[in-house]
Amino acid sequence: MEKLKIGITIGDINGIGLEIILKTLSNPKMLDFCTPVVYGSSKVVSYHKNIVGIDFPFQSTRSAQQFFADKVNIVNCWQDNVNITLGKPSELSGLYAFKALEMAVTELKHGLIDALVTAPINKHAMQLANFSFPGHTEYLTKELGNGSDSLMLMVSDNLRIGLVTNHLPLRRVAEAVTPAAVAKKLRILNETLRVDFGIAKPTIAILGLNPHAGDEGVLGDEEENILRPIVAEAKERGMLVMGPFPADGFFGSGQYKKFDAMLAMYHDQGLIPFKALSFGSGVNFTAGLDYVRTSPDHGTAYDIAGKNEADPSSFREALFTAIDIATNRYTYARDHANQLVRKEKVREEETDEAMLGAAREES
């Protein structure tokens, strides 16, 4: 494979997004792994570069179509002079985060970049800028999903946790945990483990919706009526799925270490144990799309914006994870394409032999 072009959106200009991007890409060895294409503004990058106080050479360009392979590329998504108010959400910070995201997604669709890493946005600022989605995941699913669904999957070295429901008020979770929704998310999780993470027969644990996984119907019937039948059906289809497990004991006892991934029913059920066990090294991956997108596992961190205190570890992991997944997909497609060719060749040879045999009999 050629060196991958990884698109990077700058996120909220008033947060720590550009600080973690600059700290990560200032290491010249990063250019050995990929060609970074940062969507934002060279003026805003220069402003944050002065705050971080590091040497950060880059090349400005109008599109990833005119990129420089051995440099950090900054795609100028706007030419305006921007008023940066560090540590505060604003309509402008939401507007420019949206502009960068829109252009990056457009170029991802056109194949000008191979994967996308998104720096954090602030939901309130995005709403002020008329961004009508709860977060990145929902927007990207609409733009890149081609009518299909996606799965918010939190990834670290020792944990993979997918969510049936994402950014949803808790009072609406139970009605959203339907058999169709759980089955679809489970299918996406199983497929992404096989293709994107190279696990031939992944083991998956499903967490219960209710305390104690319903206590056999005493504390709720979703486990008995929805989750157990889905687990049974998945097993019949050859998937290695178990559960539903009570979430507290599952993580508290370390049982999660026995599985390749878990499927949680709602945001905090999955994100609280994930961040408690992996904060700073975790990655948010949008599984189920035809395109690769990752992001760090934290937000804009307005409280430390401009103080040069942000830890780039999670962003760096998101960048490497995007590279790994894009590479795994390429390898999987190549290997299976060859396998199909071999099968077709065998079929052709068998057909030829059969036709030859028939011809001989006729003669």
Protein backbone atom coordinates (compact mmCIF):
# COMPACT_ATOMS: atom_id res chain seq x y z
CA MET A 1 0.00 0.00 0.00
CA GLU A 2 0.99 3.60 -0.55
CA LYS A 3 1.22 5.83 2.49
CA LEU A 4 -2.30 6.71 3.56
CA LYS A 5 -3.71 10.24 3.52
CA ILE A 6 -5.45 10.81 6.85
CA GLY A 7 -7.88 13.71 7.04
CA ILE A 8 -8.07 15.55 10.36
CA THR A 9 -10.72 18.11 11.34
CA ILE A 10 -9.64 20.79 13.81
CA GLY A 11 -12.84 20.63 15.88
CA ASP A 12 -13.80 23.56 18.08
CA ILE A 13 -11.25 26.38 17.64
CA ASN A 14 -11.84 27.51 21.24
CA GLY A 15 -11.01 24.09 22.71
CA ILE A 16 -7.96 21.84 22.87
CA GLY A 17 -8.42 20.26 19.45
CA LEU A 18 -5.61 22.05 17.66
CA GLU A 19 -3.30 21.72 20.65
CA ILE A 20 -3.50 17.91 20.61
CA ILE A 21 -3.24 17.88 16.80
CA LEU A 22 -0.10 20.06 16.86
CA LYS A 23 1.52 18.05 19.64
CA THR A 24 0.90 14.83 17.75
CA LEU A 25 1.95 15.96 14.28
CA SER A 26 4.98 17.93 15.45
CA ASN A 27 6.78 14.61 15.80
CA PRO A 28 8.47 14.25 12.38
CA LYS A 29 8.18 10.44 12.60
CA MET A 30 4.43 10.75 12.06
CA LEU A 31 5.14 11.46 8.41
CA ASP A 32 6.57 7.97 8.12
CA PHE A 33 3.15 6.51 8.90
CA CYS A 34 0.79 8.77 6.96
CA THR A 35 0.30 12.03 5.11
CA PRO A 36 -1.75 14.27 7.43
CA VAL A 37 -4.36 16.52 5.82
CA VAL A 38 -5.74 18.97 8.40
CA TYR A 39 -9.04 20.68 7.57
CA GLY A 40 -9.37 24.14 9.06
CA SER A 41 -7.39 27.33 8.54
CA SER A 42 -3.66 28.08 8.41
CA LYS A 43 -4.35 31.31 10.33
CA VAL A 44 -6.04 29.44 13.18
CA VAL A 45 -3.29 26.82 13.14
CA SER A 46 -0.64 29.54 13.43
CA TYR A 47 -2.50 31.11 16.37
CA HIS A 48 -2.54 27.83 18.29
CA LYS A 49 1.02 27.02 17.25
CA ASN A 50 2.21 30.15 19.01
CA ILE A 51 0.38 29.12 22.19
CA VAL A 52 1.85 25.61 22.17
CA GLY A 53 5.28 27.03 21.35
CA ILE A 54 6.54 24.25 19.09
CA ASP A 55 8.17 24.15 15.70
CA PHE A 56 5.43 23.07 13.31
CA PRO A 57 6.16 23.45 9.60
CA PHE A 58 3.16 22.91 7.35
CA GLN A 59 2.02 23.44 3.78
CA SER A 60 -1.20 25.29 3.01
CA THR A 61 -3.43 23.97 0.23
CA ARG A 62 -6.97 24.32 -1.05
CA SER A 63 -7.77 20.62 -1.19
CA ALA A 64 -6.33 17.19 -0.51
CA GLN A 65 -6.19 16.85 -4.27
CA GLN A 66 -3.11 19.12 -4.20
CA PHE A 67 -1.27 17.54 -1.30
CA PHE A 68 2.39 17.29 -0.31
CA ALA A 69 3.34 13.74 0.61
CA ASP A 70 6.12 14.52 3.09
CA LYS A 71 4.54 17.48 4.84
CA VAL A 72 1.64 18.29 7.13
CA ASN A 73 -1.02 19.71 4.82
CA ILE A 74 -3.44 22.39 6.02
CA VAL A 75 -6.56 22.67 3.85
CA ASN A 76 -7.98 26.18 4.14
CA CYS A 77 -11.74 25.72 4.49
CA TRP A 78 -12.28 29.47 4.88
CA GLN A 79 -10.34 32.69 4.39
CA ASP A 80 -12.02 34.78 7.12
CA ASN A 81 -10.18 36.27 10.04
CA VAL A 82 -11.54 34.40 13.04
CA ASN A 83 -12.17 35.74 16.53
CA ILE A 84 -10.89 33.02 18.88
CA THR A 85 -12.18 33.08 22.46
CA LEU A 86 -10.38 30.22 24.17
CA GLY A 87 -12.37 28.22 26.68
CA LYS A 88 -15.81 29.39 25.57
CA PRO A 89 -18.38 27.85 23.21
CA SER A 90 -19.63 30.27 20.58
CA GLU A 91 -21.61 30.36 17.37
CA LEU A 92 -18.37 31.04 15.46
CA SER A 93 -16.52 28.12 17.02
CA GLY A 94 -19.41 25.86 16.05
CA LEU A 95 -19.65 27.36 12.57
CA TYR A 96 -15.99 26.83 11.70
CA ALA A 97 -15.93 23.35 13.19
CA PHE A 98 -18.89 22.54 10.92
CA LYS A 99 -17.17 24.06 7.87
CA ALA A 100 -14.06 21.93 8.44
CA LEU A 101 -16.15 18.81 8.98
CA GLU A 102 -18.24 19.37 5.85
CA MET A 103 -15.22 19.78 3.60
CA ALA A 104 -13.41 16.80 5.09
CA VAL A 105 -16.45 14.57 4.62
CA THR A 106 -16.86 15.74 1.02
CA GLU A 107 -13.25 14.92 0.21
CA LEU A 108 -13.53 11.59 2.03
CA LYS A 109 -16.51 10.69 -0.17
CA HIS A 110 -14.51 11.59 -3.28
CA GLY A 111 -11.60 9.39 -2.23
CA LEU A 112 -9.16 12.26 -1.73
CA ILE A 113 -8.36 11.04 1.78
CA ASP A 114 -8.30 7.46 3.07
CA ALA A 115 -9.69 7.98 6.58
CA LEU A 116 -10.91 10.73 8.88
CA VAL A 117 -9.94 11.67 12.44
CA THR A 118 -12.15 14.30 14.08
CA ALA A 119 -11.00 16.57 16.89
CA PRO A 120 -13.61 17.31 19.59
CA ILE A 121 -16.59 19.59 19.02
CA ASN A 122 -18.93 21.21 21.54
CA LYS A 123 -22.56 20.23 21.08
CA HIS A 124 -23.90 23.59 22.30
CA ALA A 125 -21.63 25.55 19.96
CA MET A 126 -22.64 23.31 17.06
CA GLN A 127 -26.32 23.86 17.82
CA LEU A 128 -25.71 27.63 17.77
CA ALA A 129 -24.31 27.15 14.26
CA ASN A 130 -27.46 25.24 13.15
CA PHE A 131 -25.80 21.82 13.27
CA SER A 132 -28.91 19.69 13.73
CA PHE A 133 -27.28 16.48 14.98
CA PRO A 134 -26.51 15.30 18.53
CA GLY A 135 -22.86 14.66 17.58
CA HIS A 136 -20.32 13.53 15.01
CA THR A 137 -21.63 9.96 14.90
CA GLU A 138 -25.16 10.87 13.83
CA TYR A 139 -23.97 13.39 11.23
CA LEU A 140 -21.45 10.99 9.72
CA THR A 141 -23.99 8.17 9.62
CA LYS A 142 -26.28 10.36 7.54
CA GLU A 143 -23.53 11.61 5.25
CA LEU A 144 -21.50 8.41 4.90
CA GLY A 145 -23.90 5.62 5.80
CA ASN A 146 -25.45 5.17 2.35
CA GLY A 147 -28.76 4.39 4.03
CA SER A 148 -27.24 1.96 6.52
CA ASP A 149 -26.80 2.29 10.27
CA SER A 150 -23.58 2.72 12.23
CA LEU A 151 -22.21 1.70 15.62
CA MET A 152 -20.44 3.94 18.12
CA LEU A 153 -17.55 1.73 19.22
CA MET A 154 -15.12 2.72 21.96
CA VAL A 155 -11.72 1.09 21.45
CA SER A 156 -8.58 0.73 23.57
CA ASP A 157 -5.85 -1.87 23.98
CA ASN A 158 -7.95 -3.90 26.43
CA LEU A 159 -11.55 -2.89 25.71
CA ARG A 160 -14.04 -2.58 22.86
CA ILE A 161 -17.52 -1.40 23.82
CA GLY A 162 -20.29 -0.73 21.29
CA LEU A 163 -23.53 1.12 22.01
CA VAL A 164 -27.08 0.25 20.96
CA THR A 165 -28.19 3.85 21.66
CA ASN A 166 -25.88 6.85 21.44
CA HIS A 167 -26.68 10.42 22.50
CA LEU A 168 -30.19 9.83 23.79
CA PRO A 169 -31.94 11.08 26.95
CA LEU A 170 -32.16 8.27 29.49
CA ARG A 171 -35.96 8.40 29.61
CA ARG A 172 -36.04 7.38 25.93
CA VAL A 173 -33.53 4.54 26.09
CA ALA A 174 -35.88 1.66 26.95
CA GLU A 175 -38.21 2.35 24.02
CA ALA A 176 -35.20 2.52 21.67
CA VAL A 177 -33.84 -0.87 22.75
CA THR A 178 -35.90 -2.87 20.26
CA PRO A 179 -35.15 -6.34 18.87
CA ALA A 180 -34.38 -4.82 15.47
CA ALA A 181 -32.02 -2.20 16.91
CA VAL A 182 -30.08 -4.64 19.08
CA ALA A 183 -29.80 -7.22 16.28
CA LYS A 184 -28.54 -4.61 13.84
CA LYS A 185 -25.91 -3.23 16.23
CA LEU A 186 -24.79 -6.77 17.09
CA ARG A 187 -24.37 -7.61 13.42
CA ILE A 188 -22.30 -4.45 12.82
CA LEU A 189 -20.15 -5.20 15.87
CA ASN A 190 -19.46 -8.76 14.77
CA GLU A 191 -18.60 -7.64 11.24
CA THR A 192 -16.28 -4.82 12.30
CA LEU A 193 -14.40 -7.14 14.65
CA ARG A 194 -13.81 -9.52 11.74
CA VAL A 195 -12.94 -7.00 9.04
CA ASP A 196 -11.53 -3.96 10.85
CA PHE A 197 -9.77 -5.71 13.72
CA GLY A 198 -8.84 -9.01 12.10
CA ILE A 199 -10.58 -11.29 14.63
CA ALA A 200 -11.82 -14.35 12.71
CA LYS A 201 -14.29 -15.61 15.38
CA PRO A 202 -14.97 -12.73 17.77
CA THR A 203 -16.49 -13.31 21.19
CA ILE A 204 -19.12 -10.75 22.20
CA ALA A 205 -20.87 -10.08 25.51
CA ILE A 206 -24.26 -8.36 25.64
CA LEU A 207 -25.03 -6.25 28.71
CA GLY A 208 -28.48 -6.17 30.26
CA LEU A 209 -30.59 -3.02 30.16
CA ASN A 210 -31.90 -3.23 33.73
CA PRO A 211 -30.14 -3.57 37.10
CA HIS A 212 -29.00 -7.18 37.67
CA ALA A 213 -29.98 -7.86 34.05
CA GLY A 214 -33.63 -7.77 35.09
CA ASP A 215 -33.35 -10.42 37.85
CA GLU A 216 -35.38 -12.88 35.73
CA GLY A 217 -38.11 -10.33 35.09
CA VAL A 218 -38.38 -8.84 38.59
CA LEU A 219 -36.65 -5.57 37.56
CA GLY A 220 -37.74 -5.45 33.93
CA ASP A 221 -38.53 -7.83 31.09
CA GLU A 222 -36.31 -6.52 28.27
CA GLU A 223 -33.66 -9.13 29.00
CA GLU A 224 -36.11 -12.04 28.77
CA ASN A 225 -38.22 -10.71 25.89
CA ILE A 226 -35.58 -8.98 23.74
CA LEU A 227 -31.98 -9.77 24.62
CA ARG A 228 -32.00 -13.51 25.36
CA PRO A 229 -33.84 -14.38 22.13
CA ILE A 230 -31.32 -12.29 20.16
CA VAL A 231 -28.42 -14.07 21.84
CA ALA A 232 -29.98 -17.45 21.02
CA GLU A 233 -30.57 -16.48 17.40
CA ALA A 234 -27.03 -15.13 17.04
CA LYS A 235 -25.63 -18.43 18.32
CA GLU A 236 -27.71 -20.31 15.76
CA ARG A 237 -26.10 -18.15 13.09
CA GLY A 238 -22.65 -19.17 14.32
CA MET A 239 -21.78 -16.04 16.28
CA LEU A 240 -20.02 -16.38 19.63
CA VAL A 241 -22.36 -14.25 21.73
CA MET A 242 -23.18 -14.53 25.43
CA GLY A 243 -25.38 -12.67 27.90
CA PRO A 244 -27.17 -10.59 28.90
CA PHE A 245 -24.83 -9.80 31.81
CA PRO A 246 -25.43 -7.39 34.71
CA ALA A 247 -23.15 -4.48 33.76
CA ASP A 248 -21.85 -3.69 37.26
CA GLY A 249 -20.66 -7.18 38.13
CA PHE A 250 -19.44 -7.79 34.59
CA PHE A 251 -16.86 -5.01 34.82
CA GLY A 252 -16.28 -5.21 38.55
CA SER A 253 -15.28 -8.88 38.39
CA GLY A 254 -13.04 -8.42 35.37
CA GLN A 255 -15.23 -10.68 33.25
CA TYR A 256 -14.89 -8.23 30.37
CA LYS A 257 -11.32 -9.49 29.85
CA LYS A 258 -12.70 -12.77 28.47
CA PHE A 259 -14.41 -11.14 25.48
CA ASP A 260 -13.28 -9.38 22.33
CA ALA A 261 -16.05 -6.80 22.65
CA MET A 262 -19.18 -5.85 24.57
CA LEU A 263 -22.48 -4.39 23.43
CA ALA A 264 -23.93 -1.89 25.92
CA MET A 265 -27.51 -0.68 25.77
CA TYR A 266 -26.94 3.02 26.38
CA HIS A 267 -24.26 5.71 26.48
CA ASP A 268 -23.22 5.83 30.13
CA GLN A 269 -23.49 2.06 30.60
CA GLY A 270 -20.66 1.70 28.12
CA LEU A 271 -18.76 4.97 28.47
CA ILE A 272 -18.40 5.04 32.27
CA PRO A 273 -16.50 1.73 32.54
CA PHE A 274 -14.61 2.48 29.33
CA LYS A 275 -13.32 5.84 30.53
CA ALA A 276 -12.66 4.53 34.02
CA LEU A 277 -10.46 1.78 32.59
CA SER A 278 -9.01 3.43 29.48
CA PHE A 279 -9.30 7.22 29.72
CA GLY A 280 -6.52 8.98 27.83
CA SER A 281 -5.78 6.03 25.58
CA GLY A 282 -9.25 5.35 24.20
CA VAL A 283 -10.64 5.96 20.72
CA ASN A 284 -14.15 6.53 19.40
CA PHE A 285 -14.63 4.61 16.13
CA THR A 286 -17.74 4.84 13.97
CA ALA A 287 -18.19 1.24 12.81
CA GLY A 288 -20.51 0.07 10.06
CA LEU A 289 -19.72 2.80 7.51
CA ASP A 290 -17.95 2.37 4.20
CA TYR A 291 -15.46 4.98 5.42
CA VAL A 292 -13.10 5.01 8.41
CA ARG A 293 -13.62 7.65 11.10
CA THR A 294 -12.09 7.85 14.56
CA SER A 295 -11.79 10.50 17.27
CA PRO A 296 -10.26 10.86 20.75
CA ASP A 297 -12.32 9.75 23.73
CA HIS A 298 -12.60 13.23 25.31
CA GLY A 299 -14.24 16.57 24.62
CA THR A 300 -13.13 20.13 24.02
CA ALA A 301 -11.79 20.55 27.60
CA TYR A 302 -12.50 24.29 27.67
CA ASP A 303 -11.15 24.51 31.22
CA ILE A 304 -7.57 23.92 30.00
CA ALA A 305 -7.82 25.42 26.51
CA GLY A 306 -4.87 27.71 25.81
CA LYS A 307 -2.90 26.54 28.86
CA ASN A 308 -0.71 24.08 26.97
CA GLU A 309 -1.76 21.29 29.36
CA ALA A 310 -3.72 18.99 27.02
CA ASP A 311 -2.55 15.38 26.72
CA PRO A 312 -2.43 14.28 23.05
CA SER A 313 -2.36 10.53 23.86
CA SER A 314 -5.97 9.79 22.90
CA PHE A 315 -5.75 11.78 19.68
CA ARG A 316 -2.52 10.00 18.76
CA GLU A 317 -4.24 6.65 19.38
CA ALA A 318 -7.17 7.77 17.21
CA LEU A 319 -4.78 8.60 14.39
CA PHE A 320 -2.97 5.25 14.58
CA THR A 321 -6.28 3.38 14.91
CA ALA A 322 -7.56 5.05 11.73
CA ILE A 323 -4.39 3.97 9.92
CA ASP A 324 -4.68 0.41 11.26
CA ILE A 325 -8.35 0.02 10.35
CA ALA A 326 -7.91 1.47 6.86
CA THR A 327 -4.98 -0.91 6.33
CA ASN A 328 -6.96 -3.88 7.70
CA ARG A 329 -9.85 -3.13 5.35
CA TYR A 330 -7.50 -2.98 2.39
CA THR A 331 -5.90 -6.27 3.38
CA TYR A 332 -9.26 -7.96 4.00
CA ALA A 333 -10.64 -6.81 0.64
CA ARG A 334 -7.47 -7.89 -1.18
CA ASP A 335 -7.34 -11.31 0.45
CA HIS A 336 -11.02 -12.04 -0.08
CA ALA A 337 -10.92 -10.77 -3.64
CA ASN A 338 -8.11 -13.22 -4.35
CA GLN A 339 -10.09 -15.96 -2.64
CA LEU A 340 -13.08 -15.26 -4.87
CA VAL A 341 -10.86 -15.32 -7.92
CA ARG A 342 -9.47 -18.68 -6.86
CA LYS A 343 -12.97 -20.06 -6.32
CA GLU A 344 -14.11 -18.77 -9.70
CA LYS A 345 -11.04 -20.32 -11.30
CA VAL A 346 -11.82 -23.67 -9.69
CA ARG A 347 -15.40 -23.45 -10.92
CA GLU A 348 -14.19 -22.60 -14.44
CA GLU A 349 -11.76 -25.51 -14.40
CA GLU A 350 -14.48 -27.87 -13.16
CA THR A 351 -16.83 -26.60 -15.88
CA ASP A 352 -14.14 -26.99 -18.52
CA GLU A 353 -13.42 -30.56 -17.39
CA ALA A 354 -17.13 -31.40 -17.43
CA MET A 355 -17.53 -29.95 -20.91
CA LEU A 356 -14.42 -31.79 -22.09
CA GLY A 357 -15.74 -35.05 -20.62
CA ALA A 358 -19.08 -34.55 -22.37
CA ALA A 359 -17.33 -33.84 -25.65
CA ARG A 360 -15.28 -36.99 -25.33
CA GLU A 361 -18.41 -39.06 -24.68
CA GLU A 362 -20.08 -37.60 -27.75
CA SER A 363 -17.05 -38.39 -29.90
